Amino acid sequence: MRLPIYQVDAFADAVFAGNPAAVVPLEAWLPDATLLAIAAENNLAETAFFVREGDGCELRWFTPAVEVDLCGHATLATAFVIATILEPGREHFAFNTRQAGALTVARQGERFVLDFPARPPAAVDPHPDLLPALGGPKPTAVLGGRDYLVVYDDATTVRELKPDMARLAGLDRYAVSVTAPGEGGVDFVSRFFAPAQGIPEDPVTGSAHCTLIPYWAQRLGKTTLSARQVSARGGNLACELAGDRVKIGGTAVLYLEGAIHV
């Protein structure tokens, strides 16, 4: 079987930045074991697979280790592939997902804006290994949702963290997001660690901003925010809190297109 594949750098203005995602259009769903094997072979943070459904698509995402409930950068990459290669000029995209419900993307010039569910954080009793695994100074706050959200005083602390990935992998939540006030016109910065899911550090994480945006909107008293994920590759996100939804905007560039033989 020959399948098309595209690799896109999402939340990036040029190649070799942002977060790379593979996008694989399918005529029909393959066995889950095959999808996971393709994602593991690609060895990217996520591989997105989609099947057409009328005017929309069913969309699924896999890390090299597991299927995930929600992924921002690979959704952006999928919309980019449809808009620029498969259906040039298309500006609105509807995705049906198995765990996150209906998602939409709107193209606004070069930017793609994701409409995702807001996932505000709540107070939690952190796992005793969380802070020792992260290292660094005492945080301002530790909150939780799907992931732990650990808040620090400044962007430098977030950049300089050197977590113990093996210890983080043993925690009781999906992943760990760390954040701090931004600098240079950016409202907040973040990093994201998910070693238990096969992603030691994700370069730019749309799904984490489902929690980051509600937190910073409340803390800063505004609903439109700018964000930067300060991983080694880095990426910028235009953010908005819209009731029980968040809007996450970014650009993307094509790195590779080819075919898979399975």
C-alpha atoms as a PDB file:
ATOM      1  CA  MET A   1       0.000   0.000   0.000  1.00  0.00           C
ATOM      2  CA  ARG A   2       1.278   3.444  -0.971  1.00  0.00           C
ATOM      3  CA  LEU A   3       0.198   6.384   1.208  1.00  0.00           C
ATOM      4  CA  PRO A   4       1.011  10.070   0.711  1.00  0.00           C
ATOM      5  CA  ILE A   5       2.832  11.798   3.538  1.00  0.00           C
ATOM      6  CA  TYR A   6       3.628  15.434   4.238  1.00  0.00           C
ATOM      7  CA  GLN A   7       5.877  16.816   6.956  1.00  0.00           C
ATOM      8  CA  VAL A   8       5.050  20.331   8.104  1.00  0.00           C
ATOM      9  CA  ASP A   9       6.752  22.653  10.575  1.00  0.00           C
ATOM     10  CA  ALA A  10       3.826  24.118  12.514  1.00  0.00           C
ATOM     11  CA  PHE A  11       3.868  27.365  14.510  1.00  0.00           C
ATOM     12  CA  ALA A  12       6.829  28.339  12.357  1.00  0.00           C
ATOM     13  CA  ASP A  13       7.636  30.980   9.744  1.00  0.00           C
ATOM     14  CA  ALA A  14      10.484  28.951   8.218  1.00  0.00           C
ATOM     15  CA  VAL A  15      11.671  25.354   8.153  1.00  0.00           C
ATOM     16  CA  PHE A  16      13.676  23.952  11.054  1.00  0.00           C
ATOM     17  CA  ALA A  17      11.589  25.887  13.595  1.00  0.00           C
ATOM     18  CA  GLY A  18       8.273  25.296  15.344  1.00  0.00           C
ATOM     19  CA  ASN A  19       6.996  21.756  15.775  1.00  0.00           C
ATOM     20  CA  PRO A  20       7.277  19.175  12.980  1.00  0.00           C
ATOM     21  CA  ALA A  21       4.227  17.003  12.310  1.00  0.00           C
ATOM     22  CA  ALA A  22       3.553  14.332   9.722  1.00  0.00           C
ATOM     23  CA  VAL A  23       0.193  14.377   7.933  1.00  0.00           C
ATOM     24  CA  VAL A  24      -1.118  11.223   6.234  1.00  0.00           C
ATOM     25  CA  PRO A  25      -4.417  11.357   4.294  1.00  0.00           C
ATOM     26  CA  LEU A  26      -6.260   8.024   4.172  1.00  0.00           C
ATOM     27  CA  GLU A  27      -9.078   6.664   2.022  1.00  0.00           C
ATOM     28  CA  ALA A  28     -10.266   4.546   4.983  1.00  0.00           C
ATOM     29  CA  TRP A  29      -8.998   3.779   8.449  1.00  0.00           C
ATOM     30  CA  LEU A  30      -6.182   1.275   8.778  1.00  0.00           C
ATOM     31  CA  PRO A  31      -5.787  -0.913  11.880  1.00  0.00           C
ATOM     32  CA  ASP A  32      -4.692   1.047  14.926  1.00  0.00           C
ATOM     33  CA  ALA A  33      -1.522  -1.044  15.166  1.00  0.00           C
ATOM     34  CA  THR A  34      -0.555   0.081  11.655  1.00  0.00           C
ATOM     35  CA  LEU A  35      -1.226   3.729  12.450  1.00  0.00           C
ATOM     36  CA  LEU A  36       0.910   3.505  15.574  1.00  0.00           C
ATOM     37  CA  ALA A  37       3.675   1.724  13.671  1.00  0.00           C
ATOM     38  CA  ILE A  38       3.727   4.508  11.060  1.00  0.00           C
ATOM     39  CA  ALA A  39       3.891   7.137  13.803  1.00  0.00           C
ATOM     40  CA  ALA A  40       6.718   5.274  15.512  1.00  0.00           C
ATOM     41  CA  GLU A  41       8.594   5.007  12.203  1.00  0.00           C
ATOM     42  CA  ASN A  42       8.150   8.732  11.586  1.00  0.00           C
ATOM     43  CA  ASN A  43       9.488   9.385  15.110  1.00  0.00           C
ATOM     44  CA  LEU A  44       7.959  12.861  15.317  1.00  0.00           C
ATOM     45  CA  ALA A  45       5.996  14.248  18.241  1.00  0.00           C
ATOM     46  CA  GLU A  46       2.778  13.565  16.302  1.00  0.00           C
ATOM     47  CA  THR A  47       1.566  12.021  13.097  1.00  0.00           C
ATOM     48  CA  ALA A  48      -1.934  13.095  12.038  1.00  0.00           C
ATOM     49  CA  PHE A  49      -4.165  10.777  10.015  1.00  0.00           C
ATOM     50  CA  PHE A  50      -7.446  11.873   8.476  1.00  0.00           C
ATOM     51  CA  VAL A  51     -10.305  10.371   6.472  1.00  0.00           C
ATOM     52  CA  ARG A  52     -12.768  12.517   4.521  1.00  0.00           C
ATOM     53  CA  GLU A  53     -16.325  12.769   5.869  1.00  0.00           C
ATOM     54  CA  GLY A  54     -18.476  14.880   3.535  1.00  0.00           C
ATOM     55  CA  ASP A  55     -17.178  18.447   3.755  1.00  0.00           C
ATOM     56  CA  GLY A  56     -15.059  17.618   6.807  1.00  0.00           C
ATOM     57  CA  CYS A  57     -12.671  14.969   8.054  1.00  0.00           C
ATOM     58  CA  GLU A  58     -12.232  12.567  10.927  1.00  0.00           C
ATOM     59  CA  LEU A  59      -8.856  13.341  12.457  1.00  0.00           C
ATOM     60  CA  ARG A  60      -6.641  11.279  14.759  1.00  0.00           C
ATOM     61  CA  TRP A  61      -3.162  11.899  16.192  1.00  0.00           C
ATOM     62  CA  PHE A  62      -0.436   9.484  17.317  1.00  0.00           C
ATOM     63  CA  THR A  63       2.878   9.991  19.074  1.00  0.00           C
ATOM     64  CA  PRO A  64       5.532   7.297  18.529  1.00  0.00           C
ATOM     65  CA  ALA A  65       4.040   5.547  21.578  1.00  0.00           C
ATOM     66  CA  VAL A  66       0.288   6.296  21.950  1.00  0.00           C
ATOM     67  CA  GLU A  67      -2.817   7.842  20.401  1.00  0.00           C
ATOM     68  CA  VAL A  68      -3.480  11.270  21.940  1.00  0.00           C
ATOM     69  CA  ASP A  69      -6.752  12.963  22.838  1.00  0.00           C
ATOM     70  CA  LEU A  70      -5.918  16.363  21.361  1.00  0.00           C
ATOM     71  CA  CYS A  71      -3.063  17.858  19.339  1.00  0.00           C
ATOM     72  CA  GLY A  72      -2.759  21.437  18.185  1.00  0.00           C
ATOM     73  CA  HIS A  73       0.304  21.562  15.959  1.00  0.00           C
ATOM     74  CA  ALA A  74      -0.665  18.479  13.940  1.00  0.00           C
ATOM     75  CA  THR A  75      -4.189  19.902  13.467  1.00  0.00           C
ATOM     76  CA  LEU A  76      -2.658  23.124  12.169  1.00  0.00           C
ATOM     77  CA  ALA A  77      -0.389  21.044   9.900  1.00  0.00           C
ATOM     78  CA  THR A  78      -3.380  19.099   8.559  1.00  0.00           C
ATOM     79  CA  ALA A  79      -5.307  22.276   7.724  1.00  0.00           C
ATOM     80  CA  PHE A  80      -2.170  23.653   6.058  1.00  0.00           C
ATOM     81  CA  VAL A  81      -1.784  20.560   3.856  1.00  0.00           C
ATOM     82  CA  ILE A  82      -5.439  20.669   2.796  1.00  0.00           C
ATOM     83  CA  ALA A  83      -5.368  24.425   2.114  1.00  0.00           C
ATOM     84  CA  THR A  84      -2.086  24.562   0.221  1.00  0.00           C
ATOM     85  CA  ILE A  85      -1.828  21.160  -1.511  1.00  0.00           C
ATOM     86  CA  LEU A  86      -5.032  19.104  -1.537  1.00  0.00           C
ATOM     87  CA  GLU A  87      -7.646  21.877  -1.869  1.00  0.00           C
ATOM     88  CA  PRO A  88      -5.768  25.108  -2.626  1.00  0.00           C
ATOM     89  CA  GLY A  89      -7.588  28.182  -1.417  1.00  0.00           C
ATOM     90  CA  ARG A  90      -9.819  26.493   1.137  1.00  0.00           C
ATOM     91  CA  GLU A  91     -10.242  28.671   4.235  1.00  0.00           C
ATOM     92  CA  HIS A  92     -12.467  26.728   6.662  1.00  0.00           C
ATOM     93  CA  PHE A  93     -11.861  23.230   8.012  1.00  0.00           C
ATOM     94  CA  ALA A  94     -14.056  20.999  10.186  1.00  0.00           C
ATOM     95  CA  PHE A  95     -12.538  18.049  12.018  1.00  0.00           C
ATOM     96  CA  ASN A  96     -14.397  15.355  13.930  1.00  0.00           C
ATOM     97  CA  THR A  97     -12.276  13.762  16.655  1.00  0.00           C
ATOM     98  CA  ARG A  98     -12.851  10.752  18.868  1.00  0.00           C
ATOM     99  CA  GLN A  99     -12.014  12.342  22.207  1.00  0.00           C
ATOM    100  CA  ALA A 100     -11.981  16.129  21.787  1.00  0.00           C
ATOM    101  CA  GLY A 101     -15.238  16.526  19.848  1.00  0.00           C
ATOM    102  CA  ALA A 102     -15.666  18.880  16.912  1.00  0.00           C
ATOM    103  CA  LEU A 103     -12.717  21.145  16.112  1.00  0.00           C
ATOM    104  CA  THR A 104     -12.490  23.851  13.480  1.00  0.00           C
ATOM    105  CA  VAL A 105      -9.684  25.784  11.851  1.00  0.00           C
ATOM    106  CA  ALA A 106      -9.991  29.066   9.966  1.00  0.00           C
ATOM    107  CA  ARG A 107      -7.387  30.409   7.576  1.00  0.00           C
ATOM    108  CA  GLN A 108      -6.716  34.120   7.951  1.00  0.00           C
ATOM    109  CA  GLY A 109      -4.115  35.049   5.357  1.00  0.00           C
ATOM    110  CA  GLU A 110      -0.987  33.078   6.223  1.00  0.00           C
ATOM    111  CA  ARG A 111      -2.235  32.299   9.737  1.00  0.00           C
ATOM    112  CA  PHE A 112      -4.344  29.282  10.713  1.00  0.00           C
ATOM    113  CA  VAL A 113      -6.540  29.726  13.798  1.00  0.00           C
ATOM    114  CA  LEU A 114      -7.533  26.648  15.802  1.00  0.00           C
ATOM    115  CA  ASP A 115     -10.828  26.639  17.729  1.00  0.00           C
ATOM    116  CA  PHE A 116     -10.273  24.241  20.651  1.00  0.00           C
ATOM    117  CA  PRO A 117     -11.941  23.533  24.018  1.00  0.00           C
ATOM    118  CA  ALA A 118     -10.728  25.559  26.983  1.00  0.00           C
ATOM    119  CA  ARG A 119      -9.369  23.416  29.808  1.00  0.00           C
ATOM    120  CA  PRO A 120      -8.906  25.710  32.816  1.00  0.00           C
ATOM    121  CA  PRO A 121      -6.537  24.389  35.495  1.00  0.00           C
ATOM    122  CA  ALA A 122      -7.564  23.650  39.064  1.00  0.00           C
ATOM    123  CA  ALA A 123      -5.795  23.273  42.390  1.00  0.00           C
ATOM    124  CA  VAL A 124      -4.162  19.859  42.849  1.00  0.00           C
ATOM    125  CA  ASP A 125      -1.998  17.942  45.294  1.00  0.00           C
ATOM    126  CA  PRO A 126       1.085  17.347  43.157  1.00  0.00           C
ATOM    127  CA  HIS A 127       2.852  14.022  42.937  1.00  0.00           C
ATOM    128  CA  PRO A 128       5.820  14.057  45.326  1.00  0.00           C
ATOM    129  CA  ASP A 129       8.254  13.509  42.446  1.00  0.00           C
ATOM    130  CA  LEU A 130       7.020  16.434  40.345  1.00  0.00           C
ATOM    131  CA  LEU A 131       9.132  19.283  41.691  1.00  0.00           C
ATOM    132  CA  PRO A 132      12.273  17.200  42.318  1.00  0.00           C
ATOM    133  CA  ALA A 133      12.016  15.924  38.731  1.00  0.00           C
ATOM    134  CA  LEU A 134      11.788  19.452  37.340  1.00  0.00           C
ATOM    135  CA  GLY A 135      14.562  20.882  39.494  1.00  0.00           C
ATOM    136  CA  GLY A 136      14.919  24.645  39.599  1.00  0.00           C
ATOM    137  CA  PRO A 137      13.550  27.065  42.207  1.00  0.00           C
ATOM    138  CA  LYS A 138      10.262  26.781  44.054  1.00  0.00           C
ATOM    139  CA  PRO A 139       7.375  27.566  41.685  1.00  0.00           C
ATOM    140  CA  THR A 140       4.710  30.214  42.179  1.00  0.00           C
ATOM    141  CA  ALA A 141       1.910  27.677  41.777  1.00  0.00           C
ATOM    142  CA  VAL A 142       1.229  24.074  40.846  1.00  0.00           C
ATOM    143  CA  LEU A 143      -2.121  23.424  39.167  1.00  0.00           C
ATOM    144  CA  GLY A 144      -3.565  20.591  37.167  1.00  0.00           C
ATOM    145  CA  GLY A 145      -5.873  19.445  34.407  1.00  0.00           C
ATOM    146  CA  ARG A 146      -4.950  16.733  31.945  1.00  0.00           C
ATOM    147  CA  ASP A 147      -1.361  17.831  32.660  1.00  0.00           C
ATOM    148  CA  TYR A 148       0.402  19.446  35.563  1.00  0.00           C
ATOM    149  CA  LEU A 149       0.796  23.209  35.147  1.00  0.00           C
ATOM    150  CA  VAL A 150       3.790  24.555  37.055  1.00  0.00           C
ATOM    151  CA  VAL A 151       4.134  28.348  37.221  1.00  0.00           C
ATOM    152  CA  TYR A 152       7.453  30.143  37.790  1.00  0.00           C
ATOM    153  CA  ASP A 153       8.364  33.781  38.390  1.00  0.00           C
ATOM    154  CA  ASP A 154      10.343  34.461  35.235  1.00  0.00           C
ATOM    155  CA  ALA A 155      11.052  33.261  31.706  1.00  0.00           C
ATOM    156  CA  THR A 156      14.720  32.591  32.422  1.00  0.00           C
ATOM    157  CA  THR A 157      13.810  29.912  34.954  1.00  0.00           C
ATOM    158  CA  VAL A 158      11.571  28.174  32.418  1.00  0.00           C
ATOM    159  CA  ARG A 159      14.306  28.237  29.770  1.00  0.00           C
ATOM    160  CA  GLU A 160      16.969  26.879  32.121  1.00  0.00           C
ATOM    161  CA  LEU A 161      15.057  23.903  33.550  1.00  0.00           C
ATOM    162  CA  LYS A 162      16.758  20.569  32.934  1.00  0.00           C
ATOM    163  CA  PRO A 163      14.174  17.992  34.010  1.00  0.00           C
ATOM    164  CA  ASP A 164      14.853  14.401  34.941  1.00  0.00           C
ATOM    165  CA  MET A 165      12.821  12.788  32.139  1.00  0.00           C
ATOM    166  CA  ALA A 166      12.856   9.305  33.629  1.00  0.00           C
ATOM    167  CA  ARG A 167      11.375  10.661  36.847  1.00  0.00           C
ATOM    168  CA  LEU A 168       8.798  12.786  34.990  1.00  0.00           C
ATOM    169  CA  ALA A 169       7.695   9.676  33.103  1.00  0.00           C
ATOM    170  CA  GLY A 170       6.581   8.120  36.385  1.00  0.00           C
ATOM    171  CA  LEU A 171       4.129  10.881  37.336  1.00  0.00           C
ATOM    172  CA  ASP A 172       0.361  10.448  37.582  1.00  0.00           C
ATOM    173  CA  ARG A 173      -0.636  12.857  34.795  1.00  0.00           C
ATOM    174  CA  TYR A 174      -0.278  12.865  31.042  1.00  0.00           C
ATOM    175  CA  ALA A 175       2.453  15.517  30.894  1.00  0.00           C
ATOM    176  CA  VAL A 176       3.922  18.615  32.547  1.00  0.00           C
ATOM    177  CA  SER A 177       3.611  22.190  31.305  1.00  0.00           C
ATOM    178  CA  VAL A 178       5.836  24.866  32.827  1.00  0.00           C
ATOM    179  CA  THR A 179       5.162  28.561  32.345  1.00  0.00           C
ATOM    180  CA  ALA A 180       6.102  32.081  33.422  1.00  0.00           C
ATOM    181  CA  PRO A 181       5.374  35.696  32.505  1.00  0.00           C
ATOM    182  CA  GLY A 182       6.782  36.629  29.125  1.00  0.00           C
ATOM    183  CA  GLU A 183       9.208  39.304  28.025  1.00  0.00           C
ATOM    184  CA  GLY A 184       9.806  41.490  24.985  1.00  0.00           C
ATOM    185  CA  GLY A 185       6.120  41.948  24.201  1.00  0.00           C
ATOM    186  CA  VAL A 186       5.162  38.306  24.838  1.00  0.00           C
ATOM    187  CA  ASP A 187       2.539  37.759  27.534  1.00  0.00           C
ATOM    188  CA  PHE A 188       3.733  34.334  28.667  1.00  0.00           C
ATOM    189  CA  VAL A 189       6.239  31.605  27.863  1.00  0.00           C
ATOM    190  CA  SER A 190       6.075  27.862  28.347  1.00  0.00           C
ATOM    191  CA  ARG A 191       7.708  24.481  27.818  1.00  0.00           C
ATOM    192  CA  PHE A 192       6.056  21.047  27.680  1.00  0.00           C
ATOM    193  CA  PHE A 193       7.364  17.633  28.759  1.00  0.00           C
ATOM    194  CA  ALA A 194       5.626  14.310  28.035  1.00  0.00           C
ATOM    195  CA  PRO A 195       8.229  11.539  28.315  1.00  0.00           C
ATOM    196  CA  ALA A 196       5.628   8.916  29.267  1.00  0.00           C
ATOM    197  CA  GLN A 197       3.961   9.522  25.893  1.00  0.00           C
ATOM    198  CA  GLY A 198       7.165   9.178  23.884  1.00  0.00           C
ATOM    199  CA  ILE A 199       7.832  12.957  23.754  1.00  0.00           C
ATOM    200  CA  PRO A 200      10.572  14.071  26.184  1.00  0.00           C
ATOM    201  CA  GLU A 201      10.079  17.742  25.221  1.00  0.00           C
ATOM    202  CA  ASP A 202       7.524  18.896  22.664  1.00  0.00           C
ATOM    203  CA  PRO A 203       8.735  21.942  20.700  1.00  0.00           C
ATOM    204  CA  VAL A 204       5.379  23.792  20.450  1.00  0.00           C
ATOM    205  CA  THR A 205       2.211  22.373  22.011  1.00  0.00           C
ATOM    206  CA  GLY A 206      -1.211  23.620  20.962  1.00  0.00           C
ATOM    207  CA  SER A 207      -3.135  21.390  23.373  1.00  0.00           C
ATOM    208  CA  ALA A 208      -1.189  22.738  26.364  1.00  0.00           C
ATOM    209  CA  HIS A 209      -2.483  26.198  25.502  1.00  0.00           C
ATOM    210  CA  CYS A 210      -6.033  24.984  26.135  1.00  0.00           C
ATOM    211  CA  THR A 211      -4.975  25.279  29.783  1.00  0.00           C
ATOM    212  CA  LEU A 212      -2.363  28.029  29.532  1.00  0.00           C
ATOM    213  CA  ILE A 213      -4.716  30.522  27.872  1.00  0.00           C
ATOM    214  CA  PRO A 214      -7.458  30.383  30.561  1.00  0.00           C
ATOM    215  CA  TYR A 215      -4.818  30.646  33.296  1.00  0.00           C
ATOM    216  CA  TRP A 216      -3.036  33.671  31.836  1.00  0.00           C
ATOM    217  CA  ALA A 217      -6.257  35.376  30.681  1.00  0.00           C
ATOM    218  CA  GLN A 218      -7.506  35.340  34.257  1.00  0.00           C
ATOM    219  CA  ARG A 219      -4.168  36.322  35.761  1.00  0.00           C
ATOM    220  CA  LEU A 220      -3.499  39.168  33.311  1.00  0.00           C
ATOM    221  CA  GLY A 221      -7.098  40.306  33.004  1.00  0.00           C
ATOM    222  CA  LYS A 222      -7.305  40.152  29.219  1.00  0.00           C
ATOM    223  CA  THR A 223      -8.569  37.666  26.655  1.00  0.00           C
ATOM    224  CA  THR A 224      -6.130  38.273  23.783  1.00  0.00           C
ATOM    225  CA  LEU A 225      -2.575  37.166  24.477  1.00  0.00           C
ATOM    226  CA  SER A 226       0.702  36.443  22.748  1.00  0.00           C
ATOM    227  CA  ALA A 227       2.707  33.385  23.727  1.00  0.00           C
ATOM    228  CA  ARG A 228       6.026  31.772  22.946  1.00  0.00           C
ATOM    229  CA  GLN A 229       7.070  28.213  23.666  1.00  0.00           C
ATOM    230  CA  VAL A 230      10.752  28.489  24.524  1.00  0.00           C
ATOM    231  CA  SER A 231      11.959  25.052  23.483  1.00  0.00           C
ATOM    232  CA  ALA A 232      15.152  24.751  21.439  1.00  0.00           C
ATOM    233  CA  ARG A 233      13.150  25.111  18.173  1.00  0.00           C
ATOM    234  CA  GLY A 234      10.660  27.593  19.624  1.00  0.00           C
ATOM    235  CA  GLY A 235       7.354  28.842  18.298  1.00  0.00           C
ATOM    236  CA  ASN A 236       4.944  31.767  18.560  1.00  0.00           C
ATOM    237  CA  LEU A 237       1.213  31.459  19.207  1.00  0.00           C
ATOM    238  CA  ALA A 238      -1.519  34.091  18.961  1.00  0.00           C
ATOM    239  CA  CYS A 239      -4.024  33.248  21.700  1.00  0.00           C
ATOM    240  CA  GLU A 240      -7.567  34.224  22.629  1.00  0.00           C
ATOM    241  CA  LEU A 241      -9.991  33.082  25.310  1.00  0.00           C
ATOM    242  CA  ALA A 242     -13.525  32.936  23.865  1.00  0.00           C
ATOM    243  CA  GLY A 243     -15.855  31.683  26.601  1.00  0.00           C
ATOM    244  CA  ASP A 244     -15.398  27.947  26.956  1.00  0.00           C
ATOM    245  CA  ARG A 245     -13.196  27.832  23.840  1.00  0.00           C
ATOM    246  CA  VAL A 246      -9.684  28.980  23.041  1.00  0.00           C
ATOM    247  CA  LYS A 247      -8.370  30.200  19.719  1.00  0.00           C
ATOM    248  CA  ILE A 248      -4.766  29.452  18.867  1.00  0.00           C
ATOM    249  CA  GLY A 249      -3.203  30.992  15.776  1.00  0.00           C
ATOM    250  CA  GLY A 250       0.010  30.224  13.977  1.00  0.00           C
ATOM    251  CA  THR A 251       1.696  29.777  10.628  1.00  0.00           C
ATOM    252  CA  ALA A 252       3.234  26.697   9.029  1.00  0.00           C
ATOM    253  CA  VAL A 253       5.654  25.701   6.285  1.00  0.00           C
ATOM    254  CA  LEU A 254       6.052  22.529   4.244  1.00  0.00           C
ATOM    255  CA  TYR A 255       9.292  20.628   4.795  1.00  0.00           C
ATOM    256  CA  LEU A 256       8.742  17.315   3.009  1.00  0.00           C
ATOM    257  CA  GLU A 257       6.292  15.416   0.821  1.00  0.00           C
ATOM    258  CA  GLY A 258       6.530  11.828  -0.300  1.00  0.00           C
ATOM    259  CA  ALA A 259       5.003   8.382   0.020  1.00  0.00           C
ATOM    260  CA  ILE A 260       4.908   5.621   2.600  1.00  0.00           C
ATOM    261  CA  HIS A 261       4.938   1.956   1.526  1.00  0.00           C
ATOM    262  CA  VAL A 262       3.293  -0.369   4.056  1.00  0.00           C
END
